[in-house]
mmCIF file of all heavy atoms, coordinates in Angstrom:
data_MODEL
# 
_entry.id   MODEL 
# 
loop_
_atom_site.group_PDB 
_atom_site.id 
_atom_site.type_symbol 
_atom_site.label_atom_id 
_atom_site.label_alt_id 
_atom_site.label_comp_id 
_atom_site.label_asym_id 
_atom_site.label_entity_id 
_atom_site.label_seq_id 
_atom_site.pdbx_PDB_ins_code 
_atom_site.Cartn_x 
_atom_site.Cartn_y 
_atom_site.Cartn_z 
_atom_site.occupancy 
_atom_site.B_iso_or_equiv 
_atom_site.pdbx_formal_charge 
_atom_site.auth_seq_id 
_atom_site.auth_comp_id 
_atom_site.auth_asym_id 
_atom_site.auth_atom_id 
_atom_site.pdbx_PDB_model_num 
ATOM 1   N N   . HIS A 1 1  ? -8.362 -11.139 -43.099 1.00 0.00 ? 1  HIS A N   1 
ATOM 2   C CA  . HIS A 1 1  ? -7.157 -11.243 -42.278 1.00 0.00 ? 1  HIS A CA  1 
ATOM 3   C C   . HIS A 1 1  ? -6.804 -12.698 -42.016 1.00 0.00 ? 1  HIS A C   1 
ATOM 4   O O   . HIS A 1 1  ? -7.669 -13.584 -42.048 1.00 0.00 ? 1  HIS A O   1 
ATOM 5   C CB  . HIS A 1 1  ? -7.357 -10.514 -40.946 1.00 0.00 ? 1  HIS A CB  1 
ATOM 6   C CG  . HIS A 1 1  ? -7.617 -9.050  -41.099 1.00 0.00 ? 1  HIS A CG  1 
ATOM 7   N ND1 . HIS A 1 1  ? -6.676 -8.182  -41.616 1.00 0.00 ? 1  HIS A ND1 1 
ATOM 8   C CD2 . HIS A 1 1  ? -8.715 -8.304  -40.827 1.00 0.00 ? 1  HIS A CD2 1 
ATOM 9   C CE1 . HIS A 1 1  ? -7.182 -6.959  -41.631 1.00 0.00 ? 1  HIS A CE1 1 
ATOM 10  N NE2 . HIS A 1 1  ? -8.422 -7.001  -41.177 1.00 0.00 ? 1  HIS A NE2 1 
ATOM 11  N N   . GLU A 1 2  ? -5.515 -12.919 -41.727 1.00 0.00 ? 2  GLU A N   1 
ATOM 12  C CA  . GLU A 1 2  ? -5.052 -14.248 -41.389 1.00 0.00 ? 2  GLU A CA  1 
ATOM 13  C C   . GLU A 1 2  ? -4.471 -14.259 -39.988 1.00 0.00 ? 2  GLU A C   1 
ATOM 14  O O   . GLU A 1 2  ? -4.073 -13.214 -39.459 1.00 0.00 ? 2  GLU A O   1 
ATOM 15  C CB  . GLU A 1 2  ? -4.012 -14.750 -42.387 1.00 0.00 ? 2  GLU A CB  1 
ATOM 16  C CG  . GLU A 1 2  ? -2.611 -14.210 -42.181 1.00 0.00 ? 2  GLU A CG  1 
ATOM 17  C CD  . GLU A 1 2  ? -2.361 -12.919 -42.914 1.00 0.00 ? 2  GLU A CD  1 
ATOM 18  O OE1 . GLU A 1 2  ? -3.329 -12.208 -43.222 1.00 0.00 ? 2  GLU A OE1 1 
ATOM 19  O OE2 . GLU A 1 2  ? -1.177 -12.606 -43.174 1.00 0.00 ? 2  GLU A OE2 1 
ATOM 20  N N   . ARG A 1 3  ? -4.436 -15.440 -39.394 1.00 0.00 ? 3  ARG A N   1 
ATOM 21  C CA  . ARG A 1 3  ? -3.856 -15.595 -38.060 1.00 0.00 ? 3  ARG A CA  1 
ATOM 22  C C   . ARG A 1 3  ? -2.857 -16.742 -38.105 1.00 0.00 ? 3  ARG A C   1 
ATOM 23  O O   . ARG A 1 3  ? -3.221 -17.881 -38.411 1.00 0.00 ? 3  ARG A O   1 
ATOM 24  C CB  . ARG A 1 3  ? -4.957 -15.895 -37.035 1.00 0.00 ? 3  ARG A CB  1 
ATOM 25  C CG  . ARG A 1 3  ? -4.432 -16.000 -35.597 1.00 0.00 ? 3  ARG A CG  1 
ATOM 26  C CD  . ARG A 1 3  ? -5.567 -16.219 -34.608 1.00 0.00 ? 3  ARG A CD  1 
ATOM 27  N NE  . ARG A 1 3  ? -6.115 -17.570 -34.679 1.00 0.00 ? 3  ARG A NE  1 
ATOM 28  C CZ  . ARG A 1 3  ? -7.237 -17.903 -35.294 1.00 0.00 ? 3  ARG A CZ  1 
ATOM 29  N NH1 . ARG A 1 3  ? -7.937 -16.982 -35.930 1.00 0.00 ? 3  ARG A NH1 1 
ATOM 30  N NH2 . ARG A 1 3  ? -7.666 -19.158 -35.305 1.00 0.00 ? 3  ARG A NH2 1 
ATOM 31  N N   . PRO A 1 4  ? -1.580 -16.471 -37.812 1.00 0.00 ? 4  PRO A N   1 
ATOM 32  C CA  . PRO A 1 4  ? -0.588 -17.549 -37.844 1.00 0.00 ? 4  PRO A CA  1 
ATOM 33  C C   . PRO A 1 4  ? -0.714 -18.450 -36.620 1.00 0.00 ? 4  PRO A C   1 
ATOM 34  O O   . PRO A 1 4  ? -0.962 -17.982 -35.506 1.00 0.00 ? 4  PRO A O   1 
ATOM 35  C CB  . PRO A 1 4  ? 0.742  -16.795 -37.842 1.00 0.00 ? 4  PRO A CB  1 
ATOM 36  C CG  . PRO A 1 4  ? 0.443  -15.501 -37.155 1.00 0.00 ? 4  PRO A CG  1 
ATOM 37  C CD  . PRO A 1 4  ? -0.975 -15.151 -37.516 1.00 0.00 ? 4  PRO A CD  1 
ATOM 38  N N   . ILE A 1 5  ? -0.556 -19.731 -36.836 1.00 0.00 ? 5  ILE A N   1 
ATOM 39  C CA  . ILE A 1 5  ? -0.579 -20.721 -35.764 1.00 0.00 ? 5  ILE A CA  1 
ATOM 40  C C   . ILE A 1 5  ? 0.773  -21.425 -35.770 1.00 0.00 ? 5  ILE A C   1 
ATOM 41  O O   . ILE A 1 5  ? 1.070  -22.220 -36.661 1.00 0.00 ? 5  ILE A O   1 
ATOM 42  C CB  . ILE A 1 5  ? -1.707 -21.749 -35.954 1.00 0.00 ? 5  ILE A CB  1 
ATOM 43  C CG1 . ILE A 1 5  ? -3.062 -21.044 -36.130 1.00 0.00 ? 5  ILE A CG1 1 
ATOM 44  C CG2 . ILE A 1 5  ? -1.740 -22.712 -34.782 1.00 0.00 ? 5  ILE A CG2 1 
ATOM 45  C CD1 . ILE A 1 5  ? -3.510 -20.251 -34.936 1.00 0.00 ? 5  ILE A CD1 1 
ATOM 46  N N   . ALA A 1 6  ? 1.609  -21.097 -34.797 1.00 0.00 ? 6  ALA A N   1 
ATOM 47  C CA  . ALA A 1 6  ? 2.949  -21.681 -34.723 1.00 0.00 ? 6  ALA A CA  1 
ATOM 48  C C   . ALA A 1 6  ? 2.888  -23.039 -34.033 1.00 0.00 ? 6  ALA A C   1 
ATOM 49  O O   . ALA A 1 6  ? 2.118  -23.245 -33.094 1.00 0.00 ? 6  ALA A O   1 
ATOM 50  C CB  . ALA A 1 6  ? 3.897  -20.751 -33.978 1.00 0.00 ? 6  ALA A CB  1 
ATOM 51  N N   . SER A 1 7  ? 3.702  -23.965 -34.499 1.00 0.00 ? 7  SER A N   1 
ATOM 52  C CA  . SER A 1 7  ? 3.722  -25.306 -33.918 1.00 0.00 ? 7  SER A CA  1 
ATOM 53  C C   . SER A 1 7  ? 4.806  -25.462 -32.868 1.00 0.00 ? 7  SER A C   1 
ATOM 54  O O   . SER A 1 7  ? 4.886  -26.508 -32.213 1.00 0.00 ? 7  SER A O   1 
ATOM 55  C CB  . SER A 1 7  ? 3.931  -26.344 -35.023 1.00 0.00 ? 7  SER A CB  1 
ATOM 56  O OG  . SER A 1 7  ? 5.153  -26.114 -35.708 1.00 0.00 ? 7  SER A OG  1 
ATOM 57  N N   . GLY A 1 8  ? 5.656  -24.459 -32.730 1.00 0.00 ? 8  GLY A N   1 
ATOM 58  C CA  . GLY A 1 8  ? 6.734  -24.537 -31.752 1.00 0.00 ? 8  GLY A CA  1 
ATOM 59  C C   . GLY A 1 8  ? 7.126  -23.163 -31.250 1.00 0.00 ? 8  GLY A C   1 
ATOM 60  O O   . GLY A 1 8  ? 6.318  -22.227 -31.253 1.00 0.00 ? 8  GLY A O   1 
ATOM 61  N N   . ALA A 1 9  ? 8.367  -23.035 -30.824 1.00 0.00 ? 9  ALA A N   1 
ATOM 62  C CA  . ALA A 1 9  ? 8.851  -21.772 -30.275 1.00 0.00 ? 9  ALA A CA  1 
ATOM 63  C C   . ALA A 1 9  ? 8.902  -20.701 -31.364 1.00 0.00 ? 9  ALA A C   1 
ATOM 64  O O   . ALA A 1 9  ? 9.221  -20.969 -32.517 1.00 0.00 ? 9  ALA A O   1 
ATOM 65  C CB  . ALA A 1 9  ? 10.232 -21.963 -29.661 1.00 0.00 ? 9  ALA A CB  1 
ATOM 66  N N   . VAL A 1 10 ? 8.584  -19.463 -30.980 1.00 0.00 ? 10 VAL A N   1 
ATOM 67  C CA  . VAL A 1 10 ? 8.583  -18.326 -31.898 1.00 0.00 ? 10 VAL A CA  1 
ATOM 68  C C   . VAL A 1 10 ? 9.654  -17.334 -31.474 1.00 0.00 ? 10 VAL A C   1 
ATOM 69  O O   . VAL A 1 10 ? 9.714  -16.930 -30.314 1.00 0.00 ? 10 VAL A O   1 
ATOM 70  C CB  . VAL A 1 10 ? 7.207  -17.631 -31.923 1.00 0.00 ? 10 VAL A CB  1 
ATOM 71  C CG1 . VAL A 1 10 ? 7.244  -16.390 -32.809 1.00 0.00 ? 10 VAL A CG1 1 
ATOM 72  C CG2 . VAL A 1 10 ? 6.129  -18.590 -32.401 1.00 0.00 ? 10 VAL A CG2 1 
ATOM 73  N N   . GLY A 1 11 ? 10.508 -16.962 -32.420 1.00 0.00 ? 11 GLY A N   1 
ATOM 74  C CA  . GLY A 1 11 ? 11.545 -15.975 -32.151 1.00 0.00 ? 11 GLY A CA  1 
ATOM 75  C C   . GLY A 1 11 ? 11.188 -14.625 -32.752 1.00 0.00 ? 11 GLY A C   1 
ATOM 76  O O   . GLY A 1 11 ? 10.146 -14.465 -33.389 1.00 0.00 ? 11 GLY A O   1 
ATOM 77  N N   . ARG A 1 12 ? 12.073 -13.666 -32.564 1.00 0.00 ? 12 ARG A N   1 
ATOM 78  C CA  . ARG A 1 12 ? 11.852 -12.311 -33.083 1.00 0.00 ? 12 ARG A CA  1 
ATOM 79  C C   . ARG A 1 12 ? 13.096 -11.798 -33.781 1.00 0.00 ? 12 ARG A C   1 
ATOM 80  O O   . ARG A 1 12 ? 14.199 -11.878 -33.234 1.00 0.00 ? 12 ARG A O   1 
ATOM 81  C CB  . ARG A 1 12 ? 11.490 -11.343 -31.947 1.00 0.00 ? 12 ARG A CB  1 
ATOM 82  C CG  . ARG A 1 12 ? 10.105 -11.538 -31.371 1.00 0.00 ? 12 ARG A CG  1 
ATOM 83  C CD  . ARG A 1 12 ? 9.836  -10.550 -30.241 1.00 0.00 ? 12 ARG A CD  1 
ATOM 84  N NE  . ARG A 1 12 ? 8.485  -10.674 -29.720 1.00 0.00 ? 12 ARG A NE  1 
ATOM 85  C CZ  . ARG A 1 12 ? 7.446  -9.944  -30.116 1.00 0.00 ? 12 ARG A CZ  1 
ATOM 86  N NH1 . ARG A 1 12 ? 7.625  -9.008  -31.040 1.00 0.00 ? 12 ARG A NH1 1 
ATOM 87  N NH2 . ARG A 1 12 ? 6.245  -10.131 -29.599 1.00 0.00 ? 12 ARG A NH2 1 
ATOM 88  N N   . LEU A 1 13 ? 12.907 -11.281 -34.997 1.00 0.00 ? 13 LEU A N   1 
ATOM 89  C CA  . LEU A 1 13 ? 13.971 -10.557 -35.671 1.00 0.00 ? 13 LEU A CA  1 
ATOM 90  C C   . LEU A 1 13 ? 13.882 -9.092  -35.272 1.00 0.00 ? 13 LEU A C   1 
ATOM 91  O O   . LEU A 1 13 ? 12.881 -8.632  -34.711 1.00 0.00 ? 13 LEU A O   1 
ATOM 92  C CB  . LEU A 1 13 ? 13.846 -10.727 -37.192 1.00 0.00 ? 13 LEU A CB  1 
ATOM 93  C CG  . LEU A 1 13 ? 13.889 -12.170 -37.709 1.00 0.00 ? 13 LEU A CG  1 
ATOM 94  C CD1 . LEU A 1 13 ? 13.909 -12.186 -39.230 1.00 0.00 ? 13 LEU A CD1 1 
ATOM 95  C CD2 . LEU A 1 13 ? 15.084 -12.931 -37.159 1.00 0.00 ? 13 LEU A CD2 1 
ATOM 96  N N   . THR A 1 14 ? 14.930 -8.347  -35.566 1.00 0.00 ? 14 THR A N   1 
ATOM 97  C CA  . THR A 1 14 ? 14.980 -6.954  -35.114 1.00 0.00 ? 14 THR A CA  1 
ATOM 98  C C   . THR A 1 14 ? 14.883 -5.931  -36.238 1.00 0.00 ? 14 THR A C   1 
ATOM 99  O O   . THR A 1 14 ? 14.492 -4.786  -36.002 1.00 0.00 ? 14 THR A O   1 
ATOM 100 C CB  . THR A 1 14 ? 16.289 -6.693  -34.344 1.00 0.00 ? 14 THR A CB  1 
ATOM 101 O OG1 . THR A 1 14 ? 17.409 -6.931  -35.202 1.00 0.00 ? 14 THR A OG1 1 
ATOM 102 C CG2 . THR A 1 14 ? 16.384 -7.599  -33.123 1.00 0.00 ? 14 THR A CG2 1 
ATOM 103 N N   . GLN A 1 15 ? 15.209 -6.326  -37.466 1.00 0.00 ? 15 GLN A N   1 
ATOM 104 C CA  . GLN A 1 15 ? 15.228 -5.377  -38.576 1.00 0.00 ? 15 GLN A CA  1 
ATOM 105 C C   . GLN A 1 15 ? 13.883 -5.374  -39.301 1.00 0.00 ? 15 GLN A C   1 
ATOM 106 O O   . GLN A 1 15 ? 13.196 -6.389  -39.355 1.00 0.00 ? 15 GLN A O   1 
ATOM 107 C CB  . GLN A 1 15 ? 16.361 -5.719  -39.539 1.00 0.00 ? 15 GLN A CB  1 
ATOM 108 C CG  . GLN A 1 15 ? 17.731 -5.681  -38.892 1.00 0.00 ? 15 GLN A CG  1 
ATOM 109 C CD  . GLN A 1 15 ? 18.029 -4.333  -38.244 1.00 0.00 ? 15 GLN A CD  1 
ATOM 110 O OE1 . GLN A 1 15 ? 17.703 -3.284  -38.801 1.00 0.00 ? 15 GLN A OE1 1 
ATOM 111 N NE2 . GLN A 1 15 ? 18.644 -4.372  -37.068 1.00 0.00 ? 15 GLN A NE2 1 
ATOM 112 N N   . PRO A 1 16 ? 13.485 -4.234  -39.894 1.00 0.00 ? 16 PRO A N   1 
ATOM 113 C CA  . PRO A 1 16 ? 12.107 -4.095  -40.368 1.00 0.00 ? 16 PRO A CA  1 
ATOM 114 C C   . PRO A 1 16 ? 11.825 -4.638  -41.762 1.00 0.00 ? 16 PRO A C   1 
ATOM 115 O O   . PRO A 1 16 ? 12.649 -4.559  -42.669 1.00 0.00 ? 16 PRO A O   1 
ATOM 116 C CB  . PRO A 1 16 ? 11.902 -2.578  -40.346 1.00 0.00 ? 16 PRO A CB  1 
ATOM 117 C CG  . PRO A 1 16 ? 13.264 -2.017  -40.638 1.00 0.00 ? 16 PRO A CG  1 
ATOM 118 C CD  . PRO A 1 16 ? 14.232 -2.950  -39.947 1.00 0.00 ? 16 PRO A CD  1 
ATOM 119 N N   . LEU A 1 17 ? 10.621 -5.163  -41.885 1.00 0.00 ? 17 LEU A N   1 
ATOM 120 C CA  . LEU A 1 17 ? 9.999  -5.421  -43.182 1.00 0.00 ? 17 LEU A CA  1 
ATOM 121 C C   . LEU A 1 17 ? 9.258  -4.140  -43.558 1.00 0.00 ? 17 LEU A C   1 
ATOM 122 O O   . LEU A 1 17 ? 8.485  -3.611  -42.763 1.00 0.00 ? 17 LEU A O   1 
ATOM 123 C CB  . LEU A 1 17 ? 9.018  -6.588  -43.062 1.00 0.00 ? 17 LEU A CB  1 
ATOM 124 C CG  . LEU A 1 17 ? 8.196  -6.945  -44.310 1.00 0.00 ? 17 LEU A CG  1 
ATOM 125 C CD1 . LEU A 1 17 ? 9.107  -7.495  -45.391 1.00 0.00 ? 17 LEU A CD1 1 
ATOM 126 C CD2 . LEU A 1 17 ? 7.107  -7.947  -43.953 1.00 0.00 ? 17 LEU A CD2 1 
ATOM 127 N N   . MET A 1 18 ? 9.493  -3.623  -44.757 1.00 0.00 ? 18 MET A N   1 
ATOM 128 C CA  . MET A 1 18 ? 8.885  -2.367  -45.179 1.00 0.00 ? 18 MET A CA  1 
ATOM 129 C C   . MET A 1 18 ? 7.525  -2.636  -45.832 1.00 0.00 ? 18 MET A C   1 
ATOM 130 O O   . MET A 1 18 ? 7.324  -3.651  -46.495 1.00 0.00 ? 18 MET A O   1 
ATOM 131 C CB  . MET A 1 18 ? 9.801  -1.634  -46.149 1.00 0.00 ? 18 MET A CB  1 
ATOM 132 C CG  . MET A 1 18 ? 11.246 -1.503  -45.672 1.00 0.00 ? 18 MET A CG  1 
ATOM 133 S SD  . MET A 1 18 ? 11.391 -0.751  -44.018 1.00 0.00 ? 18 MET A SD  1 
ATOM 134 C CE  . MET A 1 18 ? 10.860 0.930   -44.396 1.00 0.00 ? 18 MET A CE  1 
ATOM 135 N N   . HIS A 1 19 ? 6.604  -1.667  -45.657 1.00 0.00 ? 19 HIS A N   1 
ATOM 136 C CA  . HIS A 1 19 ? 5.226  -1.887  -46.101 1.00 0.00 ? 19 HIS A CA  1 
ATOM 137 C C   . HIS A 1 19 ? 4.604  -0.562  -46.531 1.00 0.00 ? 19 HIS A C   1 
ATOM 138 O O   . HIS A 1 19 ? 4.506  0.368   -45.731 1.00 0.00 ? 19 HIS A O   1 
ATOM 139 C CB  . HIS A 1 19 ? 4.426  -2.496  -44.945 1.00 0.00 ? 19 HIS A CB  1 
ATOM 140 C CG  . HIS A 1 19 ? 2.986  -2.766  -45.266 1.00 0.00 ? 19 HIS A CG  1 
ATOM 141 N ND1 . HIS A 1 19 ? 1.994  -2.672  -44.315 1.00 0.00 ? 19 HIS A ND1 1 
ATOM 142 C CD2 . HIS A 1 19 ? 2.373  -3.121  -46.428 1.00 0.00 ? 19 HIS A CD2 1 
ATOM 143 C CE1 . HIS A 1 19 ? 0.832  -2.970  -44.868 1.00 0.00 ? 19 HIS A CE1 1 
ATOM 144 N NE2 . HIS A 1 19 ? 1.029  -3.245  -46.143 1.00 0.00 ? 19 HIS A NE2 1 
ATOM 145 N N   . GLU A 1 20 ? 4.189  -0.489  -47.788 1.00 0.00 ? 20 GLU A N   1 
ATOM 146 C CA  . GLU A 1 20 ? 3.442  0.668   -48.270 1.00 0.00 ? 20 GLU A CA  1 
ATOM 147 C C   . GLU A 1 20 ? 1.955  0.353   -48.086 1.00 0.00 ? 20 GLU A C   1 
ATOM 148 O O   . GLU A 1 20 ? 1.287  -0.141  -48.987 1.00 0.00 ? 20 GLU A O   1 
ATOM 149 C CB  . GLU A 1 20 ? 3.744  0.955   -49.738 1.00 0.00 ? 20 GLU A CB  1 
ATOM 150 C CG  . GLU A 1 20 ? 3.088  2.230   -50.246 1.00 0.00 ? 20 GLU A CG  1 
ATOM 151 C CD  . GLU A 1 20 ? 3.301  2.435   -51.743 1.00 0.00 ? 20 GLU A CD  1 
ATOM 152 O OE1 . GLU A 1 20 ? 2.955  1.518   -52.529 1.00 0.00 ? 20 GLU A OE1 1 
ATOM 153 O OE2 . GLU A 1 20 ? 3.825  3.492   -52.110 1.00 0.00 ? 20 GLU A OE2 1 
ATOM 154 N N   . SER A 1 21 ? 1.437  0.643   -46.905 1.00 0.00 ? 21 SER A N   1 
ATOM 155 C CA  . SER A 1 21 ? 0.078  0.244   -46.576 1.00 0.00 ? 21 SER A CA  1 
ATOM 156 C C   . SER A 1 21 ? -0.965 1.015   -47.376 1.00 0.00 ? 21 SER A C   1 
ATOM 157 O O   . SER A 1 21 ? -1.870 0.423   -47.981 1.00 0.00 ? 21 SER A O   1 
ATOM 158 C CB  . SER A 1 21 ? -0.167 0.434   -45.076 1.00 0.00 ? 21 SER A CB  1 
ATOM 159 O OG  . SER A 1 21 ? -1.441 -0.025  -44.721 1.00 0.00 ? 21 SER A OG  1 
ATOM 160 N N   . PHE A 1 22 ? -0.867 2.346   -47.362 1.00 0.00 ? 22 PHE A N   1 
ATOM 161 C CA  . PHE A 1 22 ? -1.777 3.210   -48.118 1.00 0.00 ? 22 PHE A CA  1 
ATOM 162 C C   . PHE A 1 22 ? -0.949 4.278   -48.812 1.00 0.00 ? 22 PHE A C   1 
ATOM 163 O O   . PHE A 1 22 ? -0.323 5.098   -48.144 1.00 0.00 ? 22 PHE A O   1 
ATOM 164 C CB  . PHE A 1 22 ? -2.798 3.878   -47.200 1.00 0.00 ? 22 PHE A CB  1 
ATOM 165 C CG  . PHE A 1 22 ? -3.678 2.924   -46.440 1.00 0.00 ? 22 PHE A CG  1 
ATOM 166 C CD1 . PHE A 1 22 ? -3.430 2.625   -45.111 1.00 0.00 ? 22 PHE A CD1 1 
ATOM 167 C CD2 . PHE A 1 22 ? -4.759 2.323   -47.061 1.00 0.00 ? 22 PHE A CD2 1 
ATOM 168 C CE1 . PHE A 1 22 ? -4.238 1.744   -44.415 1.00 0.00 ? 22 PHE A CE1 1 
ATOM 169 C CE2 . PHE A 1 22 ? -5.578 1.444   -46.374 1.00 0.00 ? 22 PHE A CE2 1 
ATOM 170 C CZ  . PHE A 1 22 ? -5.313 1.156   -45.050 1.00 0.00 ? 22 PHE A CZ  1 
ATOM 171 N N   . ARG A 1 23 ? -0.962 4.283   -50.145 1.00 0.00 ? 23 ARG A N   1 
ATOM 172 C CA  . ARG A 1 23 ? -0.129 5.252   -50.854 1.00 0.00 ? 23 ARG A CA  1 
ATOM 173 C C   . ARG A 1 23 ? -0.768 6.641   -50.908 1.00 0.00 ? 23 ARG A C   1 
ATOM 174 O O   . ARG A 1 23 ? -0.081 7.649   -50.983 1.00 0.00 ? 23 ARG A O   1 
ATOM 175 C CB  . ARG A 1 23 ? 0.185  4.766   -52.262 1.00 0.00 ? 23 ARG A CB  1 
ATOM 176 C CG  . ARG A 1 23 ? -1.007 4.640   -53.181 1.00 0.00 ? 23 ARG A CG  1 
ATOM 177 C CD  . ARG A 1 23 ? -0.610 4.152   -54.564 1.00 0.00 ? 23 ARG A CD  1 
ATOM 178 N NE  . ARG A 1 23 ? -1.750 3.982   -55.432 1.00 0.00 ? 23 ARG A NE  1 
ATOM 179 C CZ  . ARG A 1 23 ? -2.477 2.884   -55.512 1.00 0.00 ? 23 ARG A CZ  1 
ATOM 180 N NH1 . ARG A 1 23 ? -2.150 1.845   -54.767 1.00 0.00 ? 23 ARG A NH1 1 
ATOM 181 N NH2 . ARG A 1 23 ? -3.519 2.813   -56.319 1.00 0.00 ? 23 ARG A NH2 1 
ATOM 182 N N   . ASP A 1 24 ? -2.118 6.718   -50.900 1.00 0.00 ? 24 ASP A N   1 
ATOM 183 C CA  . ASP A 1 24 ? -2.794 8.013   -50.960 1.00 0.00 ? 24 ASP A CA  1 
ATOM 184 C C   . ASP A 1 24 ? -4.193 7.873   -50.368 1.00 0.00 ? 24 ASP A C   1 
ATOM 185 O O   . ASP A 1 24 ? -4.637 6.777   -49.995 1.00 0.00 ? 24 ASP A O   1 
ATOM 186 C CB  . ASP A 1 24 ? -2.872 8.548   -52.394 1.00 0.00 ? 24 ASP A CB  1 
ATOM 187 C CG  . ASP A 1 24 ? -3.490 7.547   -53.372 1.00 0.00 ? 24 ASP A CG  1 
ATOM 188 O OD1 . ASP A 1 24 ? -4.396 6.786   -52.960 1.00 0.00 ? 24 ASP A OD1 1 
ATOM 189 O OD2 . ASP A 1 24 ? -3.069 7.511   -54.542 1.00 0.00 ? 24 ASP A OD2 1 
ATOM 190 N N   . LEU A 1 25 ? -4.900 9.000   -50.278 1.00 0.00 ? 25 LEU A N   1 
ATOM 191 C CA  . LEU A 1 25 ? -6.207 9.007   -49.634 1.00 0.00 ? 25 LEU A CA  1 
ATOM 192 C C   . LEU A 1 25 ? -7.239 8.219   -50.437 1.00 0.00 ? 25 LEU A C   1 
ATOM 193 O O   . LEU A 1 25 ? -8.165 7.629   -49.868 1.00 0.00 ? 25 LEU A O   1 
ATOM 194 C CB  . LEU A 1 25 ? -6.684 10.447  -49.420 1.00 0.00 ? 25 LEU A CB  1 
ATOM 195 C CG  . LEU A 1 25 ? -7.838 10.635  -48.419 1.00 0.00 ? 25 LEU A CG  1 
ATOM 196 C CD1 . LEU A 1 25 ? -7.478 10.051  -47.064 1.00 0.00 ? 25 LEU A CD1 1 
ATOM 197 C CD2 . LEU A 1 25 ? -8.193 12.112  -48.297 1.00 0.00 ? 25 LEU A CD2 1 
# 
């Protein structure tokens, strides 16, 4: 895993990034 380290202010977008985490068992 990674951990982001921001150097300044962090904003938020509202629309989703899609992710196929696990396709099957």
